[in-house]
Amino acid sequence: GAVMSRDLDVARMDVELWDLVMAVVLRGNMLGCKHVIPSMRS
C-alpha cells in the first residue's frame, strides 16, 4: 500500500517511486534472467 498509493498519473508522478518500480520489476527480472541463464545452459 505504501508504494501503490504513490503510483499516480504522470503529471503527479513521484520520480523516486518510478525508479523503485522500474528497478524491481524491470531491472530485477533482467538480472534474474542474466544470472540464471548460464545455469540453465549448463
Full PDB file with SEQRES, HELIX, SHEET, SSBOND, CRYST1, ORIGX, SCALE, CONECT and MASTER records, all heavy atoms in Angstrom:
SEQRES   1 A   42  GLY ALA VAL MET SER ARG ASP LEU ASP VAL ALA ARG MET          
SEQRES   2 A   42  ASP VAL GLU LEU TRP ASP LEU VAL MET ALA VAL VAL LEU          
SEQRES   3 A   42  ARG GLY ASN MET LEU GLY CYS LYS HIS VAL ILE PRO SER          
SEQRES   4 A   42  MET ARG SER                                                  
HELIX    1 AA1 MET A    4  ARG A    6  5                                   3    
HELIX    2 AA2 VAL A   10  ARG A   12  5                                   3    
HELIX    3 AA3 VAL A   15  MET A   22  1                                   8    
HELIX    4 AA4 ALA A   23  ARG A   27  3                                   5    
HELIX    5 AA5 GLY A   28  ARG A   41  1                                  14    
CRYST1    1.000    1.000    1.000  90.00  90.00  90.00 P 1           1          
ORIGX1      1.000000  0.000000  0.000000        0.00000                         
ORIGX2      0.000000  1.000000  0.000000        0.00000                         
ORIGX3      0.000000  0.000000  1.000000        0.00000                         
SCALE1      1.000000  0.000000  0.000000        0.00000                         
SCALE2      0.000000  1.000000  0.000000        0.00000                         
SCALE3      0.000000  0.000000  1.000000        0.00000                         
ATOM      1  N   GLY A   1       0.798  -1.216   0.000  1.00  0.00           N  
ATOM      2  CA  GLY A   1       0.000   0.000   0.000  1.00  0.00           C  
ATOM      3  C   GLY A   1       0.831   1.268   0.000  1.00  0.00           C  
ATOM      4  O   GLY A   1       0.466   2.267  -0.635  1.00  0.00           O  
ATOM      5  N   ALA A   2       1.969   1.264   0.704  1.00  0.00           N  
ATOM      6  CA  ALA A   2       2.813   2.451   0.772  1.00  0.00           C  
ATOM      7  C   ALA A   2       3.376   2.833  -0.588  1.00  0.00           C  
ATOM      8  O   ALA A   2       3.632   4.012  -0.855  1.00  0.00           O  
ATOM      9  CB  ALA A   2       3.956   2.219   1.763  1.00  0.00           C  
ATOM     10  N   VAL A   3       3.567   1.842  -1.453  1.00  0.00           N  
ATOM     11  CA  VAL A   3       4.065   2.101  -2.807  1.00  0.00           C  
ATOM     12  C   VAL A   3       2.908   2.432  -3.745  1.00  0.00           C  
ATOM     13  O   VAL A   3       2.933   3.446  -4.460  1.00  0.00           O  
ATOM     14  CB  VAL A   3       4.861   0.890  -3.339  1.00  0.00           C  
ATOM     15  CG1 VAL A   3       5.237   1.093  -4.801  1.00  0.00           C  
ATOM     16  CG2 VAL A   3       6.111   0.670  -2.496  1.00  0.00           C  
ATOM     17  N   MET A   4       1.904   1.581  -3.758  1.00  0.00           N  
ATOM     18  CA  MET A   4       0.804   1.751  -4.709  1.00  0.00           C  
ATOM     19  C   MET A   4       0.068   3.070  -4.517  1.00  0.00           C  
ATOM     20  O   MET A   4      -0.400   3.685  -5.482  1.00  0.00           O  
ATOM     21  CB  MET A   4      -0.182   0.586  -4.585  1.00  0.00           C  
ATOM     22  CG  MET A   4       0.340  -0.722  -5.161  1.00  0.00           C  
ATOM     23  SD  MET A   4       0.663  -0.596  -6.936  1.00  0.00           S  
ATOM     24  CE  MET A   4       0.576  -2.311  -7.432  1.00  0.00           C  
ATOM     25  N   SER A   5      -0.026   3.544  -3.286  1.00  0.00           N  
ATOM     26  CA  SER A   5      -0.737   4.796  -3.036  1.00  0.00           C  
ATOM     27  C   SER A   5      -0.006   5.995  -3.619  1.00  0.00           C  
ATOM     28  O   SER A   5      -0.605   7.064  -3.813  1.00  0.00           O  
ATOM     29  CB  SER A   5      -0.937   4.993  -1.529  1.00  0.00           C  
ATOM     30  OG  SER A   5       0.317   5.124  -0.867  1.00  0.00           O  
ATOM     31  N   ARG A   6       1.272   5.848  -3.926  1.00  0.00           N  
ATOM     32  CA  ARG A   6       2.064   6.939  -4.510  1.00  0.00           C  
ATOM     33  C   ARG A   6       2.173   6.824  -6.023  1.00  0.00           C  
ATOM     34  O   ARG A   6       2.732   7.709  -6.676  1.00  0.00           O  
ATOM     35  CB  ARG A   6       3.469   6.937  -3.909  1.00  0.00           C  
ATOM     36  CG  ARG A   6       3.515   7.266  -2.426  1.00  0.00           C  
ATOM     37  CD  ARG A   6       4.835   6.823  -1.815  1.00  0.00           C  
ATOM     38  NE  ARG A   6       5.989   7.407  -2.486  1.00  0.00           N  
ATOM     39  CZ  ARG A   6       7.219   6.868  -2.459  1.00  0.00           C  
ATOM     40  NH1 ARG A   6       7.427   5.726  -1.813  1.00  0.00           N  
ATOM     41  NH2 ARG A   6       8.201   7.462  -3.103  1.00  0.00           N  
ATOM     42  N   ASP A   7       1.661   5.738  -6.584  1.00  0.00           N  
ATOM     43  CA  ASP A   7       1.800   5.489  -8.028  1.00  0.00           C  
ATOM     44  C   ASP A   7       0.595   6.080  -8.747  1.00  0.00           C  
ATOM     45  O   ASP A   7      -0.398   5.396  -9.012  1.00  0.00           O  
ATOM     46  CB  ASP A   7       1.924   3.980  -8.270  1.00  0.00           C  
ATOM     47  CG  ASP A   7       2.318   3.665  -9.710  1.00  0.00           C  
ATOM     48  OD1 ASP A   7       2.495   4.614 -10.501  1.00  0.00           O  
ATOM     49  OD2 ASP A   7       2.451   2.474 -10.033  1.00  0.00           O  
ATOM     50  N   LEU A   8       0.698   7.368  -9.069  1.00  0.00           N  
ATOM     51  CA  LEU A   8      -0.443   8.114  -9.600  1.00  0.00           C  
ATOM     52  C   LEU A   8      -0.283   8.338 -11.098  1.00  0.00           C  
ATOM     53  O   LEU A   8       0.397   7.578 -11.775  1.00  0.00           O  
ATOM     54  CB  LEU A   8      -0.567   9.429  -8.831  1.00  0.00           C  
ATOM     55  CG  LEU A   8      -0.672   9.280  -7.299  1.00  0.00           C  
ATOM     56  CD1 LEU A   8      -0.627  10.640  -6.630  1.00  0.00           C  
ATOM     57  CD2 LEU A   8      -1.928   8.520  -6.907  1.00  0.00           C  
ATOM     58  N   ASP A   9      -0.918   9.380 -11.625  1.00  0.00           N  
ATOM     59  CA  ASP A   9      -0.808   9.688 -13.041  1.00  0.00           C  
ATOM     60  C   ASP A   9       0.525  10.372 -13.324  1.00  0.00           C  
ATOM     61  O   ASP A   9       1.246  10.777 -12.409  1.00  0.00           O  
ATOM     62  CB  ASP A   9      -1.976  10.569 -13.485  1.00  0.00           C  
ATOM     63  CG  ASP A   9      -2.040  11.853 -12.671  1.00  0.00           C  
ATOM     64  OD1 ASP A   9      -2.674  11.825 -11.589  1.00  0.00           O  
ATOM     65  OD2 ASP A   9      -1.444  12.857 -13.093  1.00  0.00           O  
ATOM     66  N   VAL A  10       0.856  10.540 -14.602  1.00  0.00           N  
ATOM     67  CA  VAL A  10       2.173  11.047 -14.990  1.00  0.00           C  
ATOM     68  C   VAL A  10       2.426  12.453 -14.443  1.00  0.00           C  
ATOM     69  O   VAL A  10       3.525  12.754 -13.964  1.00  0.00           O  
ATOM     70  CB  VAL A  10       2.318  11.031 -16.528  1.00  0.00           C  
ATOM     71  CG1 VAL A  10       3.569  11.792 -16.965  1.00  0.00           C  
ATOM     72  CG2 VAL A  10       2.383   9.596 -17.039  1.00  0.00           C  
ATOM     73  N   ALA A  11       1.433  13.319 -14.493  1.00  0.00           N  
ATOM     74  CA  ALA A  11       1.620  14.704 -14.053  1.00  0.00           C  
ATOM     75  C   ALA A  11       1.923  14.802 -12.562  1.00  0.00           C  
ATOM     76  O   ALA A  11       2.523  15.781 -12.103  1.00  0.00           O  
ATOM     77  CB  ALA A  11       0.391  15.544 -14.386  1.00  0.00           C  
ATOM     78  N   ARG A  12       1.529  13.784 -11.796  1.00  0.00           N  
ATOM     79  CA  ARG A  12       1.796  13.783 -10.353  1.00  0.00           C  
ATOM     80  C   ARG A  12       2.811  12.712  -9.963  1.00  0.00           C  
ATOM     81  O   ARG A  12       2.923  12.376  -8.777  1.00  0.00           O  
ATOM     82  CB  ARG A  12       0.493  13.552  -9.593  1.00  0.00           C  
ATOM     83  CG  ARG A  12      -0.533  14.662  -9.743  1.00  0.00           C  
ATOM     84  CD  ARG A  12      -1.767  14.372  -8.914  1.00  0.00           C  
ATOM     85  NE  ARG A  12      -2.505  13.217  -9.409  1.00  0.00           N  
ATOM     86  CZ  ARG A  12      -3.443  12.564  -8.723  1.00  0.00           C  
ATOM     87  NH1 ARG A  12      -3.745  12.937  -7.492  1.00  0.00           N  
ATOM     88  NH2 ARG A  12      -4.078  11.536  -9.254  1.00  0.00           N  
ATOM     89  N   MET A  13       3.579  12.203 -10.927  1.00  0.00           N  
ATOM     90  CA  MET A  13       4.453  11.072 -10.652  1.00  0.00           C  
ATOM     91  C   MET A  13       5.585  11.434  -9.698  1.00  0.00           C  
ATOM     92  O   MET A  13       6.282  12.431  -9.880  1.00  0.00           O  
ATOM     93  CB  MET A  13       5.038  10.532 -11.969  1.00  0.00           C  
ATOM     94  CG  MET A  13       5.982   9.348 -11.804  1.00  0.00           C  
ATOM     95  SD  MET A  13       5.248   7.948 -10.901  1.00  0.00           S  
ATOM     96  CE  MET A  13       3.865   7.554 -11.977  1.00  0.00           C  
ATOM     97  N   ASP A  14       5.764  10.616  -8.691  1.00  0.00           N  
ATOM     98  CA  ASP A  14       6.890  10.683  -7.765  1.00  0.00           C  
ATOM     99  C   ASP A  14       8.058   9.960  -8.443  1.00  0.00           C  
ATOM    100  O   ASP A  14       8.009   8.745  -8.650  1.00  0.00           O  
ATOM    101  CB  ASP A  14       6.494   9.993  -6.461  1.00  0.00           C  
ATOM    102  CG  ASP A  14       7.591   9.979  -5.419  1.00  0.00           C  
ATOM    103  OD1 ASP A  14       8.779   9.926  -5.794  1.00  0.00           O  
ATOM    104  OD2 ASP A  14       7.265   9.979  -4.223  1.00  0.00           O  
ATOM    105  N   VAL A  15       9.108  10.698  -8.804  1.00  0.00           N  
ATOM    106  CA  VAL A  15      10.196  10.115  -9.584  1.00  0.00           C  
ATOM    107  C   VAL A  15      10.909   9.010  -8.809  1.00  0.00           C  
ATOM    108  O   VAL A  15      11.322   7.989  -9.389  1.00  0.00           O  
ATOM    109  CB  VAL A  15      11.188  11.207 -10.031  1.00  0.00           C  
ATOM    110  CG1 VAL A  15      12.402  10.589 -10.729  1.00  0.00           C  
ATOM    111  CG2 VAL A  15      10.495  12.187 -10.977  1.00  0.00           C  
ATOM    112  N   GLU A  16      11.045   9.168  -7.515  1.00  0.00           N  
ATOM    113  CA  GLU A  16      11.670   8.111  -6.724  1.00  0.00           C  
ATOM    114  C   GLU A  16      10.839   6.829  -6.762  1.00  0.00           C  
ATOM    115  O   GLU A  16      11.379   5.723  -6.834  1.00  0.00           O  
ATOM    116  CB  GLU A  16      11.867   8.564  -5.277  1.00  0.00           C  
ATOM    117  CG  GLU A  16      12.957   9.616  -5.100  1.00  0.00           C  
ATOM    118  CD  GLU A  16      13.217   9.919  -3.639  1.00  0.00           C  
ATOM    119  OE1 GLU A  16      12.531   9.320  -2.767  1.00  0.00           O  
ATOM    120  OE2 GLU A  16      14.087  10.757  -3.363  1.00  0.00           O  
ATOM    121  N   LEU A  17       9.523   6.985  -6.721  1.00  0.00           N  
ATOM    122  CA  LEU A  17       8.620   5.831  -6.841  1.00  0.00           C  
ATOM    123  C   LEU A  17       8.776   5.178  -8.201  1.00  0.00           C  
ATOM    124  O   LEU A  17       8.867   3.951  -8.313  1.00  0.00           O  
ATOM    125  CB  LEU A  17       7.182   6.293  -6.596  1.00  0.00           C  
ATOM    126  CG  LEU A  17       6.022   5.290  -6.649  1.00  0.00           C  
ATOM    127  CD1 LEU A  17       5.603   4.953  -8.052  1.00  0.00           C  
ATOM    128  CD2 LEU A  17       6.298   4.076  -5.824  1.00  0.00           C  
ATOM    129  N   TRP A  18       8.811   5.984  -9.267  1.00  0.00           N  
ATOM    130  CA  TRP A  18       9.001   5.468 -10.627  1.00  0.00           C  
ATOM    131  C   TRP A  18      10.281   4.632 -10.699  1.00  0.00           C  
ATOM    132  O   TRP A  18      10.287   3.505 -11.200  1.00  0.00           O  
ATOM    133  CB  TRP A  18       9.055   6.630 -11.607  1.00  0.00           C  
ATOM    134  CG  TRP A  18       9.365   6.261 -13.024  1.00  0.00           C  
ATOM    135  CD1 TRP A  18      10.609   6.085 -13.569  1.00  0.00           C  
ATOM    136  CD2 TRP A  18       8.430   6.007 -14.077  1.00  0.00           C  
ATOM    137  NE1 TRP A  18      10.508   5.746 -14.897  1.00  0.00           N  
ATOM    138  CE2 TRP A  18       9.192   5.697 -15.229  1.00  0.00           C  
ATOM    139  CE3 TRP A  18       7.044   6.037 -14.160  1.00  0.00           C  
ATOM    140  CZ2 TRP A  18       8.585   5.400 -16.458  1.00  0.00           C  
ATOM    141  CZ3 TRP A  18       6.456   5.743 -15.379  1.00  0.00           C  
ATOM    142  CH2 TRP A  18       7.204   5.428 -16.515  1.00  0.00           C  
ATOM    143  N   ASP A  19      11.372   5.180 -10.183  1.00  0.00           N  
ATOM    144  CA  ASP A  19      12.660   4.486 -10.243  1.00  0.00           C  
ATOM    145  C   ASP A  19      12.636   3.186  -9.442  1.00  0.00           C  
ATOM    146  O   ASP A  19      13.216   2.179  -9.860  1.00  0.00           O  
ATOM    147  CB  ASP A  19      13.779   5.396  -9.735  1.00  0.00           C  
ATOM    148  CG  ASP A  19      14.077   6.547 -10.691  1.00  0.00           C  
ATOM    149  OD1 ASP A  19      13.644   6.478 -11.859  1.00  0.00           O  
ATOM    150  OD2 ASP A  19      14.750   7.509 -10.264  1.00  0.00           O  
ATOM    151  N   LEU A  20      11.964   3.192  -8.293  1.00  0.00           N  
ATOM    152  CA  LEU A  20      11.857   1.980  -7.481  1.00  0.00           C  
ATOM    153  C   LEU A  20      11.118   0.882  -8.235  1.00  0.00           C  
ATOM    154  O   LEU A  20      11.584  -0.272  -8.294  1.00  0.00           O  
ATOM    155  CB  LEU A  20      11.115   2.283  -6.177  1.00  0.00           C  
ATOM    156  CG  LEU A  20      10.702   1.064  -5.342  1.00  0.00           C  
ATOM    157  CD1 LEU A  20      11.936   0.317  -4.836  1.00  0.00           C  
ATOM    158  CD2 LEU A  20       9.792   1.480  -4.193  1.00  0.00           C  
ATOM    159  N   VAL A  21       9.975   1.225  -8.826  1.00  0.00           N  
ATOM    160  CA  VAL A  21       9.185   0.214  -9.547  1.00  0.00           C  
ATOM    161  C   VAL A  21       9.973  -0.337 -10.732  1.00  0.00           C  
ATOM    162  O   VAL A  21      10.003  -1.550 -10.962  1.00  0.00           O  
ATOM    163  CB  VAL A  21       7.836   0.807  -9.992  1.00  0.00           C  
ATOM    164  CG1 VAL A  21       7.080  -0.193 -10.868  1.00  0.00           C  
ATOM    165  CG2 VAL A  21       6.995   1.184  -8.777  1.00  0.00           C  
ATOM    166  N   MET A  22      10.610   0.540 -11.493  1.00  0.00           N  
ATOM    167  CA  MET A  22      11.398   0.078 -12.635  1.00  0.00           C  
ATOM    168  C   MET A  22      12.566  -0.794 -12.181  1.00  0.00           C  
ATOM    169  O   MET A  22      12.902  -1.791 -12.830  1.00  0.00           O  
ATOM    170  CB  MET A  22      11.919   1.269 -13.446  1.00  0.00           C  
ATOM    171  CG  MET A  22      10.832   2.119 -14.070  1.00  0.00           C  
ATOM    172  SD  MET A  22       9.769   1.196 -15.208  1.00  0.00           S  
ATOM    173  CE  MET A  22       8.306   2.245 -15.204  1.00  0.00           C  
ATOM    174  N   ALA A  23      13.179  -0.437 -11.063  1.00  0.00           N  
ATOM    175  CA  ALA A  23      14.319  -1.208 -10.565  1.00  0.00           C  
ATOM    176  C   ALA A  23      13.909  -2.624 -10.171  1.00  0.00           C  
ATOM    177  O   ALA A  23      14.587  -3.596 -10.502  1.00  0.00           O  
ATOM    178  CB  ALA A  23      14.949  -0.498  -9.370  1.00  0.00           C  
ATOM    179  N   VAL A  24      12.782  -2.746  -9.491  1.00  0.00           N  
ATOM    180  CA  VAL A  24      12.353  -4.071  -9.030  1.00  0.00           C  
ATOM    181  C   VAL A  24      11.794  -4.896 -10.185  1.00  0.00           C  
ATOM    182  O   VAL A  24      12.192  -6.049 -10.392  1.00  0.00           O  
ATOM    183  CB  VAL A  24      11.311  -3.941  -7.901  1.00  0.00           C  
ATOM    184  CG1 VAL A  24      10.782  -5.320  -7.508  1.00  0.00           C  
ATOM    185  CG2 VAL A  24      11.922  -3.244  -6.690  1.00  0.00           C  
ATOM    186  N   VAL A  25      10.877  -4.322 -10.955  1.00  0.00           N  
ATOM    187  CA  VAL A  25      10.174  -5.100 -11.975  1.00  0.00           C  
ATOM    188  C   VAL A  25      11.051  -5.366 -13.201  1.00  0.00           C  
ATOM    189  O   VAL A  25      11.159  -6.509 -13.664  1.00  0.00           O  
ATOM    190  CB  VAL A  25       8.866  -4.403 -12.385  1.00  0.00           C  
ATOM    191  CG1 VAL A  25       8.191  -5.147 -13.533  1.00  0.00           C  
ATOM    192  CG2 VAL A  25       7.916  -4.309 -11.191  1.00  0.00           C  
ATOM    193  N   LEU A  26      11.673  -4.327 -13.749  1.00  0.00           N  
ATOM    194  CA  LEU A  26      12.444  -4.496 -14.986  1.00  0.00           C  
ATOM    195  C   LEU A  26      13.901  -4.875 -14.723  1.00  0.00           C  
ATOM    196  O   LEU A  26      14.384  -5.893 -15.218  1.00  0.00           O  
ATOM    197  CB  LEU A  26      12.364  -3.230 -15.827  1.00  0.00           C  
ATOM    198  CG  LEU A  26      11.017  -2.978 -16.498  1.00  0.00           C  
ATOM    199  CD1 LEU A  26      11.047  -1.681 -17.297  1.00  0.00           C  
ATOM    200  CD2 LEU A  26      10.628  -4.136 -17.416  1.00  0.00           C  
ATOM    201  N   ARG A  27      14.602  -4.066 -13.944  1.00  0.00           N  
ATOM    202  CA  ARG A  27      15.992  -4.407 -13.629  1.00  0.00           C  
ATOM    203  C   ARG A  27      16.063  -5.748 -12.911  1.00  0.00           C  
ATOM    204  O   ARG A  27      16.892  -6.603 -13.222  1.00  0.00           O  
ATOM    205  CB  ARG A  27      16.619  -3.305 -12.783  1.00  0.00           C  
ATOM    206  CG  ARG A  27      18.053  -3.586 -12.296  1.00  0.00           C  
ATOM    207  CD  ARG A  27      18.512  -2.455 -11.379  1.00  0.00           C  
ATOM    208  NE  ARG A  27      19.740  -2.775 -10.696  1.00  0.00           N  
ATOM    209  CZ  ARG A  27      20.953  -2.440 -11.138  1.00  0.00           C  
ATOM    210  NH1 ARG A  27      21.071  -1.794 -12.284  1.00  0.00           N  
ATOM    211  NH2 ARG A  27      22.030  -2.756 -10.435  1.00  0.00           N  
ATOM    212  N   GLY A  28      15.168  -5.971 -11.947  1.00  0.00           N  
ATOM    213  CA  GLY A  28      15.193  -7.206 -11.171  1.00  0.00           C  
ATOM    214  C   GLY A  28      15.009  -8.437 -12.019  1.00  0.00           C  
ATOM    215  O   GLY A  28      15.722  -9.432 -11.866  1.00  0.00           O  
ATOM    216  N   ASN A  29      14.059  -8.410 -12.953  1.00  0.00           N  
ATOM    217  CA  ASN A  29      13.833  -9.580 -13.803  1.00  0.00           C  
ATOM    218  C   ASN A  29      14.910  -9.739 -14.862  1.00  0.00           C  
ATOM    219  O   ASN A  29      15.271 -10.860 -15.224  1.00  0.00           O  
ATOM    220  CB  ASN A  29      12.446  -9.509 -14.431  1.00  0.00           C  
ATOM    221  CG  ASN A  29      11.367  -9.962 -13.470  1.00  0.00           C  
ATOM    222  OD1 ASN A  29      11.327 -11.127 -13.082  1.00  0.00           O  
ATOM    223  ND2 ASN A  29      10.509  -9.042 -13.062  1.00  0.00           N  
ATOM    224  N   MET A  30      15.444  -8.607 -15.363  1.00  0.00           N  
ATOM    225  CA  MET A  30      16.584  -8.705 -16.280  1.00  0.00           C  
ATOM    226  C   MET A  30      17.764  -9.367 -15.586  1.00  0.00           C  
ATOM    227  O   MET A  30      18.402 -10.279 -16.138  1.00  0.00           O  
ATOM    228  CB  MET A  30      16.971  -7.312 -16.780  1.00  0.00           C  
ATOM    229  CG  MET A  30      18.185  -7.281 -17.711  1.00  0.00           C  
ATOM    230  SD  MET A  30      19.795  -7.236 -16.824  1.00  0.00           S  
ATOM    231  CE  MET A  30      19.727  -5.619 -16.059  1.00  0.00           C  
ATOM    232  N   LEU A  31      18.058  -8.942 -14.350  1.00  0.00           N  
ATOM    233  CA  LEU A  31      19.175  -9.533 -13.619  1.00  0.00           C  
ATOM    234  C   LEU A  31      18.923 -11.011 -13.315  1.00  0.00           C  
ATOM    235  O   LEU A  31      19.849 -11.830 -13.383  1.00  0.00           O  
ATOM    236  CB  LEU A  31      19.415  -8.767 -12.315  1.00  0.00           C  
ATOM    237  CG  LEU A  31      20.032  -7.380 -12.447  1.00  0.00           C  
ATOM    238  CD1 LEU A  31      20.046  -6.676 -11.087  1.00  0.00           C  
ATOM    239  CD2 LEU A  31      21.442  -7.463 -13.020  1.00  0.00           C  
ATOM    240  N   GLY A  32      17.682 -11.345 -12.998  1.00  0.00           N  
ATOM    241  CA  GLY A  32      17.374 -12.752 -12.756  1.00  0.00           C  
ATOM    242  C   GLY A  32      17.668 -13.600 -13.973  1.00  0.00           C  
ATOM    243  O   GLY A  32      18.305 -14.655 -13.882  1.00  0.00           O  
ATOM    244  N   CYS A  33      17.205 -13.140 -15.134  1.00  0.00           N  
ATOM    245  CA  CYS A  33      17.483 -13.871 -16.377  1.00  0.00           C  
ATOM    246  C   CYS A  33      18.986 -13.923 -16.638  1.00  0.00           C  
ATOM    247  O   CYS A  33      19.537 -14.985 -16.983  1.00  0.00           O  
ATOM    248  CB  CYS A  33      16.765 -13.218 -17.546  1.00  0.00           C  
ATOM    249  SG  CYS A  33      14.962 -13.312 -17.465  1.00  0.00           S  
ATOM    250  N   LYS A  34      19.672 -12.798 -16.478  1.00  0.00           N  
ATOM    251  CA  LYS A  34      21.108 -12.729 -16.743  1.00  0.00           C  
ATOM    252  C   LYS A  34      21.881 -13.761 -15.940  1.00  0.00           C  
ATOM    253  O   LYS A  34      22.780 -14.439 -16.465  1.00  0.00           O  
ATOM    254  CB  LYS A  34      21.623 -11.323 -16.416  1.00  0.00           C  
ATOM    255  CG  LYS A  34      23.139 -11.176 -16.537  1.00  0.00           C  
ATOM    256  CD  LYS A  34      23.604  -9.784 -16.150  1.00  0.00           C  
ATOM    257  CE  LYS A  34      25.134  -9.697 -16.211  1.00  0.00           C  
ATOM    258  NZ  LYS A  34      25.624  -8.330 -15.853  1.00  0.00           N  
ATOM    259  N   HIS A  35      21.534 -13.905 -14.671  1.00  0.00           N  
ATOM    260  CA  HIS A  35      22.329 -14.769 -13.793  1.00  0.00           C  
ATOM    261  C   HIS A  35      21.858 -16.215 -13.756  1.00  0.00           C  
ATOM    262  O   HIS A  35      22.631 -17.096 -13.366  1.00  0.00           O  
ATOM    263  CB  HIS A  35      22.372 -14.163 -12.388  1.00  0.00           C  
ATOM    264  CG  HIS A  35      23.243 -12.948 -12.320  1.00  0.00           C  
ATOM    265  ND1 HIS A  35      24.598 -13.027 -12.123  1.00  0.00           N  
ATOM    266  CD2 HIS A  35      22.954 -11.630 -12.488  1.00  0.00           C  
ATOM    267  CE1 HIS A  35      25.119 -11.804 -12.146  1.00  0.00           C  
ATOM    268  NE2 HIS A  35      24.143 -10.945 -12.360  1.00  0.00           N  
ATOM    269  N   VAL A  36      20.623 -16.472 -14.172  1.00  0.00           N  
ATOM    270  CA  VAL A  36      20.126 -17.852 -14.168  1.00  0.00           C  
ATOM    271  C   VAL A  36      20.341 -18.534 -15.513  1.00  0.00           C  
ATOM    272  O   VAL A  36      20.515 -19.761 -15.571  1.00  0.00           O  
ATOM    273  CB  VAL A  36      18.643 -17.865 -13.746  1.00  0.00           C  
ATOM    274  CG1 VAL A  36      18.011 -19.224 -14.000  1.00  0.00           C  
ATOM    275  CG2 VAL A  36      18.514 -17.499 -12.272  1.00  0.00           C  
ATOM    276  N   ILE A  37      20.338 -17.781 -16.594  1.00  0.00           N  
ATOM    277  CA  ILE A  37      20.507 -18.388 -17.917  1.00  0.00           C  
ATOM    278  C   ILE A  37      21.786 -19.222 -18.027  1.00  0.00           C  
ATOM    279  O   ILE A  37      21.738 -20.343 -18.576  1.00  0.00           O  
ATOM    280  CB  ILE A  37      20.419 -17.312 -19.021  1.00  0.00           C  
ATOM    281  CG1 ILE A  37      18.944 -16.948 -19.241  1.00  0.00           C  
ATOM    282  CG2 ILE A  37      21.041 -17.784 -20.327  1.00  0.00           C  
ATOM    283  CD1 ILE A  37      18.728 -15.730 -20.118  1.00  0.00           C  
ATOM    284  N   PRO A  38      22.947 -18.779 -17.522  1.00  0.00           N  
ATOM    285  CA  PRO A  38      24.130 -19.659 -17.585  1.00  0.00           C  
ATOM    286  C   PRO A  38      23.918 -20.991 -16.872  1.00  0.00           C  
ATOM    287  O   PRO A  38      24.390 -22.037 -17.346  1.00  0.00           O  
ATOM    288  CB  PRO A  38      25.223 -18.823 -16.912  1.00  0.00           C  
ATOM    289  CG  PRO A  38      24.800 -17.408 -17.140  1.00  0.00           C  
ATOM    290  CD  PRO A  38      23.306 -17.440 -17.011  1.00  0.00           C  
ATOM    291  N   SER A  39      23.203 -20.975 -15.750  1.00  0.00           N  
ATOM    292  CA  SER A  39      22.897 -22.209 -15.034  1.00  0.00           C  
ATOM    293  C   SER A  39      22.007 -23.108 -15.884  1.00  0.00           C  
ATOM    294  O   SER A  39      22.217 -24.328 -15.974  1.00  0.00           O  
ATOM    295  CB  SER A  39      22.204 -21.881 -13.710  1.00  0.00           C  
ATOM    296  OG  SER A  39      22.153 -22.991 -12.844  1.00  0.00           O  
ATOM    297  N   MET A  40      21.015 -22.521 -16.543  1.00  0.00           N  
ATOM    298  CA  MET A  40      20.129 -23.298 -17.405  1.00  0.00           C  
ATOM    299  C   MET A  40      20.889 -23.879 -18.593  1.00  0.00           C  
ATOM    300  O   MET A  40      20.662 -25.026 -18.981  1.00  0.00           O  
ATOM    301  CB  MET A  40      18.966 -22.417 -17.889  1.00  0.00           C  
ATOM    302  CG  MET A  40      17.994 -22.038 -16.800  1.00  0.00           C  
ATOM    303  SD  MET A  40      16.608 -21.063 -17.451  1.00  0.00           S  
ATOM    304  CE  MET A  40      15.580 -20.967 -15.980  1.00  0.00           C  
ATOM    305  N   ARG A  41      21.787 -23.093 -19.160  1.00  0.00           N  
ATOM    306  CA  ARG A  41      22.565 -23.598 -20.287  1.00  0.00           C  
ATOM    307  C   ARG A  41      23.431 -24.782 -19.871  1.00  0.00           C  
ATOM    308  O   ARG A  41      23.560 -25.762 -20.615  1.00  0.00           O  
ATOM    309  CB  ARG A  41      23.430 -22.487 -20.875  1.00  0.00           C  
ATOM    310  CG  ARG A  41      22.641 -21.431 -21.629  1.00  0.00           C  
ATOM    311  CD  ARG A  41      23.528 -20.417 -22.315  1.00  0.00           C  
ATOM    312  NE  ARG A  41      24.370 -21.045 -23.340  1.00  0.00           N  
ATOM    313  CZ  ARG A  41      25.209 -20.377 -24.122  1.00  0.00           C  
ATOM    314  NH1 ARG A  41      25.342 -19.058 -23.985  1.00  0.00           N  
ATOM    315  NH2 ARG A  41      25.922 -21.006 -25.035  1.00  0.00           N  
ATOM    316  N   SER A  42      23.987 -24.723 -18.668  1.00  0.00           N  
ATOM    317  CA  SER A  42      24.807 -25.843 -18.200  1.00  0.00           C  
ATOM    318  C   SER A  42      23.972 -27.090 -17.963  1.00  0.00           C  
ATOM    319  O   SER A  42      24.478 -28.215 -18.054  1.00  0.00           O  
ATOM    320  CB  SER A  42      25.542 -25.457 -16.907  1.00  0.00           C  
ATOM    321  OG  SER A  42      24.654 -25.398 -15.801  1.00  0.00           O  
TER     322      SER A  42                                                      
MASTER        0    0    0    5    0    0    0    6  321    1    0    4          
END                                                                             
